[in-house]
Structure formats: C-alpha cells, structure tokens
Protein backbone atom coordinates (compact mmCIF):
# COMPACT_ATOMS: atom_id res chain seq x y z
CA MET A 1 162.04 168.91 377.86
CA VAL A 2 159.94 167.62 380.66
CA ILE A 3 157.27 165.78 378.50
CA MET A 4 160.70 164.32 376.33
CA MET A 5 161.65 162.44 379.61
CA LYS A 6 158.14 161.20 380.71
CA LYS A 7 158.46 159.58 377.06
CA ASN A 8 161.55 158.41 377.76
CA LYS A 9 160.61 156.45 381.06
CA ILE A 10 157.75 155.12 379.38
CA VAL A 11 159.89 153.90 376.43
CA SER A 12 161.95 152.37 378.55
CA GLY A 13 159.33 150.22 380.81
CA ILE A 14 157.64 149.55 377.81
CA MET A 15 161.05 147.67 376.49
CA ALA A 16 162.20 145.90 379.83
CA MET A 17 158.18 144.58 379.87
CA VAL A 18 158.83 143.05 376.56
CA CYS A 19 162.35 141.73 376.29
CA LEU A 20 163.11 140.61 379.75
CA PRO A 21 160.46 138.08 379.85
CA VAL A 22 161.37 137.06 376.14
CA ALA A 23 165.53 137.15 376.99
CA PHE A 24 164.63 134.47 379.86
CA LEU A 25 162.85 132.11 377.97
CA HIS A 26 165.02 132.72 375.22
CA GLY A 27 167.72 131.25 377.90
CA GLN A 28 166.31 127.99 378.85
CA THR A 29 166.88 125.34 376.06
CA SER A 30 164.05 122.65 375.48
CA LYS A 31 165.85 120.15 377.06
CA GLU A 32 166.54 122.12 380.53
CA LYS A 33 162.59 122.64 380.00
CA GLU A 34 162.11 119.12 379.82
CA THR A 35 164.57 118.54 382.85
CA PHE A 36 162.64 121.31 385.24
CA SER A 37 159.67 120.76 384.45
CA TRP A 38 157.03 121.15 387.35
CA SER A 39 156.37 116.83 386.81
CA ASN A 40 159.96 116.41 387.35
CA LEU A 41 161.29 118.55 390.26
CA PRO A 42 164.18 117.17 392.16
CA GLY A 43 164.09 115.71 395.78
CA VAL A 44 164.75 117.65 398.75
CA GLU A 45 166.40 116.07 401.99
CA GLN A 46 165.25 117.12 405.38
CA PRO A 47 167.67 119.34 407.13
CA VAL A 48 168.49 117.35 410.81
CA PHE A 49 169.30 119.06 413.65
CA ASN A 50 170.14 118.36 417.38
CA THR A 51 167.93 118.94 420.00
CA ASP A 52 170.15 120.37 422.23
CA THR A 53 169.49 123.87 424.04
CA PHE A 54 172.33 125.94 425.29
CA ASN A 55 171.27 128.28 428.12
CA ILE A 56 174.04 130.93 428.02
CA VAL A 57 173.43 131.87 431.98
CA GLN A 58 174.97 128.48 432.61
CA PHE A 59 178.18 129.69 430.85
CA GLY A 60 178.47 132.73 433.17
CA SER A 61 176.00 135.11 431.66
CA VAL A 62 174.70 137.84 433.01
CA ALA A 63 170.99 139.03 431.88
CA ASP A 64 170.85 143.06 432.97
CA GLY A 65 171.08 144.77 429.90
CA LEU A 66 174.60 146.07 430.51
CA THR A 67 176.85 143.13 431.34
CA LEU A 68 178.99 142.14 428.16
CA ASN A 69 178.20 138.85 427.86
CA THR A 70 180.87 138.21 424.82
CA ASN A 71 182.85 135.70 426.57
CA SER A 72 179.81 133.44 428.26
CA ILE A 73 178.29 133.54 424.86
CA ASN A 74 181.67 132.22 423.17
CA LYS A 75 181.82 129.74 425.29
CA ALA A 76 178.59 128.15 425.11
CA ILE A 77 178.99 128.41 421.57
CA SER A 78 182.31 126.43 421.96
CA THR A 79 180.41 123.26 423.69
CA CYS A 80 177.55 123.60 421.19
CA SER A 81 180.22 123.09 418.56
CA GLU A 82 182.18 120.48 420.31
CA LYS A 83 178.83 117.96 420.56
CA VAL A 84 178.21 116.23 417.14
CA VAL A 85 175.50 114.78 415.43
CA ALA A 86 176.16 111.11 414.49
C-alpha cells in the first residue's frame, strides 16, 4: 500500500509538471503573445511621494516602550493626510 501511494504521488507530480505549463501556454492567443512580448512592454510611471517627515514625538508620543501612543500617532496621520501634493 505504501508503494502504491508513492507511485500515485510520483504520477501526480509528473502530470502537474507536464500539464501546468501546457495549460499556461495554451491560454494565450497569438495576438496576446504579440501584445505582451518582451520587445513591447508597457511603460511604467514612477510614483511621486511627498518628502515630508513627521516625528510622532512632536504630536505627544512618549518613547518609553510603555506608553500607548495611539492618539498621537493618529494626530500625525491626520496632519499628514491634510497635506496634498499639487
């Protein structure tokens, strides 16, 4: 019985190695292959972020490892979200 289980696992592994790549390649049409080829990749825009830095100590946080700083962190987040990049 143990030998049968090992054979079943081996057969299942071989089937997965053969069928999955074929299914993946079969799922693309020739037009999709042309559209998304390495020579025709879409452009990528670089994201733009503010350079602002907020120190949560300025909003009342205490760096002692014991104090719950939830309110001061929320104040810093609110202040940060009020600033909008033009």
